[in-house]
Amino acid sequence: MRILSQRCRTFTYTVTTAGPCAVPLDVAILGIPHPFTDCLVLHIGVEKGDDARVGDAVKSVRRIIAKTAATDAVINGFSHLADPAQRGDVPMAMGVLDALTERLADKGTRVHLMPFGWNKRWSAEILDGEWEQRMVHLPHRAPALADAVFTGPGTLSSLS
C-alpha cells in the first residue's frame, strides 16, 4: 500500500466521468463540488495483500492527522497505478478502502471516501512543512517464521 497524504487548507473535488472500474453511483452527484477545509487528503494505492496492512495504514494515517491537526480525512483510493503484477482487483481494493475508512471512523476520525473508479476534478490549497506532505509505503512482509512451515531442506512455505 502506498499513501500520499497532503494536508490542505481547502480541498474540493467534483466527480466527472466513470472510469473502467467505476463503482455504481447516483448520477445526480456528477458535477457537484464536494468542499472540505482543514483536511488531510489521502491518495491510496492498493495492491495485492494490502488487506493484511489495514491496521498499519490506520496507525500511519492517525499519526499524520495528529501531527498536522487535520479535522477530516478525504480518501481517494485506486489500484490502477500499482505494478501490474501487484495490482489488486476492484473488490479487494474496495474492501481495503472500506475497512480503512471504517476503522478510522471508529477511532473518531471524520472520514470521507471518494467514489472508487471515477474520474474527478479537484483543486486544493496544500500546506507545506514536514508533516503536511508525506509518502508512506507499507511494503508486503515476508511470512513470519511463526506463520511458516518447514517443507524440506532450505524451504519455507506460508500457512496463509
Protein backbone atom coordinates (compact mmCIF):
# COMPACT_ATOMS: atom_id res chain seq x y z
CA MET A 1 0.00 0.00 0.00
CA ARG A 2 1.23 3.44 -0.87
CA ILE A 3 -0.27 6.50 0.76
CA LEU A 4 0.38 10.04 -0.40
CA SER A 5 -1.00 12.44 2.19
CA GLN A 6 -1.44 16.15 1.65
CA ARG A 7 -2.61 18.50 4.39
CA CYS A 8 -4.93 21.02 2.78
CA ARG A 9 -6.36 24.31 3.99
CA THR A 10 -9.05 23.78 1.35
CA PHE A 11 -9.85 20.84 -0.93
CA THR A 12 -12.73 20.47 -3.37
CA TYR A 13 -13.43 17.60 -5.73
CA THR A 14 -16.06 17.04 -8.38
CA VAL A 15 -16.91 13.64 -9.87
CA THR A 16 -16.83 13.93 -13.68
CA THR A 17 -16.91 10.64 -15.62
CA ALA A 18 -16.85 6.91 -14.98
CA GLY A 19 -13.59 5.04 -15.40
CA PRO A 20 -13.39 1.37 -16.40
CA CYS A 21 -13.62 0.21 -12.75
CA ALA A 22 -16.22 2.72 -11.56
CA VAL A 23 -18.47 1.61 -8.73
CA PRO A 24 -22.22 2.22 -9.11
CA LEU A 25 -23.04 5.81 -8.29
CA ASP A 26 -26.10 8.06 -8.32
CA VAL A 27 -25.51 10.22 -11.40
CA ALA A 28 -27.13 13.15 -9.58
CA ILE A 29 -23.78 13.81 -7.85
CA LEU A 30 -21.94 14.27 -11.17
CA GLY A 31 -20.65 17.82 -11.44
CA ILE A 32 -21.49 18.68 -7.81
CA PRO A 33 -18.49 20.10 -5.87
CA HIS A 34 -17.59 18.45 -2.54
CA PRO A 35 -15.64 21.01 -0.45
CA PHE A 36 -13.53 20.34 2.66
CA THR A 37 -11.42 22.57 4.91
CA ASP A 38 -8.50 21.75 7.20
CA CYS A 39 -8.34 18.21 5.87
CA LEU A 40 -5.84 15.50 5.09
CA VAL A 41 -6.24 14.23 1.53
CA LEU A 42 -5.06 10.63 1.17
CA HIS A 43 -4.30 9.16 -2.25
CA ILE A 44 -4.09 5.44 -1.50
CA GLY A 45 -2.75 2.90 -3.99
CA VAL A 46 -3.99 -0.57 -3.10
CA GLU A 47 -2.00 -3.66 -4.08
CA LYS A 48 -2.41 -7.40 -3.59
CA GLY A 49 -2.04 -8.41 0.03
CA ASP A 50 -2.92 -4.98 1.41
CA ASP A 51 -5.92 -6.39 3.27
CA ALA A 52 -3.33 -7.53 5.83
CA ARG A 53 -1.93 -3.98 6.16
CA VAL A 54 -5.09 -2.03 7.09
CA GLY A 55 -4.07 -1.81 10.77
CA ASP A 56 -0.68 -0.39 9.82
CA ALA A 57 -2.35 2.09 7.47
CA VAL A 58 -4.72 3.24 10.24
CA LYS A 59 -1.75 3.85 12.57
CA SER A 60 0.15 5.79 9.90
CA VAL A 61 -2.82 7.96 8.95
CA ARG A 62 -3.72 8.68 12.58
CA ARG A 63 -0.14 9.73 13.29
CA ILE A 64 -0.16 12.15 10.36
CA ILE A 65 -3.55 13.53 11.44
CA ALA A 66 -2.21 14.09 14.96
CA LYS A 67 0.95 15.82 13.66
CA THR A 68 -0.99 18.11 11.30
CA ALA A 69 -4.16 18.72 13.35
CA ALA A 70 -6.33 17.92 10.31
CA THR A 71 -10.05 17.82 11.14
CA ASP A 72 -11.13 15.47 8.32
CA ALA A 73 -9.61 12.76 6.15
CA VAL A 74 -10.60 12.50 2.48
CA ILE A 75 -9.63 9.23 0.81
CA ASN A 76 -9.07 8.84 -2.93
CA GLY A 77 -8.35 5.15 -3.47
CA PHE A 78 -7.15 3.36 -6.58
CA SER A 79 -5.35 0.23 -7.75
CA HIS A 80 -4.63 1.06 -11.38
CA LEU A 81 -1.23 2.69 -10.70
CA ALA A 82 0.21 -0.35 -8.95
CA ASP A 83 2.74 -2.59 -10.66
CA PRO A 84 0.52 -4.80 -12.88
CA ALA A 85 1.81 -7.90 -11.09
CA GLN A 86 0.79 -6.38 -7.74
CA ARG A 87 -2.46 -4.71 -8.81
CA GLY A 88 -5.41 -5.70 -6.67
CA ASP A 89 -8.81 -6.39 -8.17
CA VAL A 90 -11.67 -3.95 -7.60
CA PRO A 91 -13.49 -5.93 -4.86
CA MET A 92 -10.26 -6.40 -2.90
CA ALA A 93 -9.30 -2.72 -3.27
CA MET A 94 -12.78 -1.61 -2.21
CA GLY A 95 -12.64 -3.95 0.79
CA VAL A 96 -9.32 -2.44 1.90
CA LEU A 97 -10.58 1.12 1.45
CA ASP A 98 -13.88 0.37 3.22
CA ALA A 99 -12.05 -1.28 6.13
CA LEU A 100 -9.63 1.64 6.41
CA THR A 101 -12.48 4.15 6.33
CA GLU A 102 -14.47 2.23 8.96
CA ARG A 103 -11.52 1.78 11.31
CA LEU A 104 -10.54 5.44 11.08
CA ALA A 105 -14.14 6.45 11.81
CA ASP A 106 -14.25 4.02 14.75
CA LYS A 107 -11.20 5.86 16.16
CA GLY A 108 -13.01 9.20 15.95
CA THR A 109 -11.74 10.50 12.60
CA ARG A 110 -14.24 12.20 10.33
CA VAL A 111 -13.54 10.48 7.04
CA HIS A 112 -14.93 10.73 3.52
CA LEU A 113 -14.29 8.07 0.85
CA MET A 114 -14.36 9.42 -2.70
CA PRO A 115 -16.17 7.23 -5.28
CA PHE A 116 -13.83 4.49 -6.48
CA GLY A 117 -13.04 4.28 -10.18
CA TRP A 118 -14.50 7.66 -11.13
CA ASN A 119 -12.57 10.48 -12.74
CA LYS A 120 -12.52 13.60 -10.63
CA ARG A 121 -11.54 17.20 -10.99
CA TRP A 122 -10.11 18.80 -7.87
CA SER A 123 -8.49 21.92 -6.51
CA ALA A 124 -6.53 22.27 -3.32
CA GLU A 125 -4.61 24.73 -1.22
CA ILE A 126 -1.91 22.36 0.02
CA LEU A 127 0.13 23.35 3.06
CA ASP A 128 3.88 22.91 3.23
CA GLY A 129 6.00 21.51 6.00
CA GLU A 130 7.49 18.31 7.33
CA TRP A 131 4.21 16.51 8.05
CA GLU A 132 1.92 18.31 5.61
CA GLN A 133 3.06 16.30 2.58
CA ARG A 134 4.13 12.70 3.15
CA MET A 135 4.51 9.45 1.27
CA VAL A 136 4.04 6.26 3.28
CA HIS A 137 4.91 2.91 1.75
CA LEU A 138 3.65 -0.15 3.59
CA PRO A 139 5.51 -2.95 1.81
CA HIS A 140 4.38 -6.54 1.84
CA ARG A 141 6.03 -8.54 4.57
CA ALA A 142 7.62 -11.94 4.18
CA PRO A 143 5.77 -14.53 6.26
CA ALA A 144 6.97 -14.62 9.85
CA LEU A 145 8.57 -17.86 10.97
CA ALA A 146 5.58 -18.44 13.23
CA ASP A 147 3.38 -18.32 10.10
CA ALA A 148 5.57 -20.61 8.01
CA VAL A 149 6.26 -24.30 7.93
CA PHE A 150 9.38 -26.18 7.03
CA THR A 151 8.73 -28.14 3.82
CA GLY A 152 12.12 -29.60 3.13
CA PRO A 153 15.78 -28.70 3.01
CA GLY A 154 16.17 -24.91 2.72
CA THR A 155 12.50 -24.12 2.04
CA LEU A 156 9.68 -22.49 3.96
CA SER A 157 6.04 -22.29 2.91
CA SER A 158 3.49 -19.82 4.24
CA LEU A 159 0.46 -21.18 6.06
CA SER A 160 -1.70 -18.30 4.84
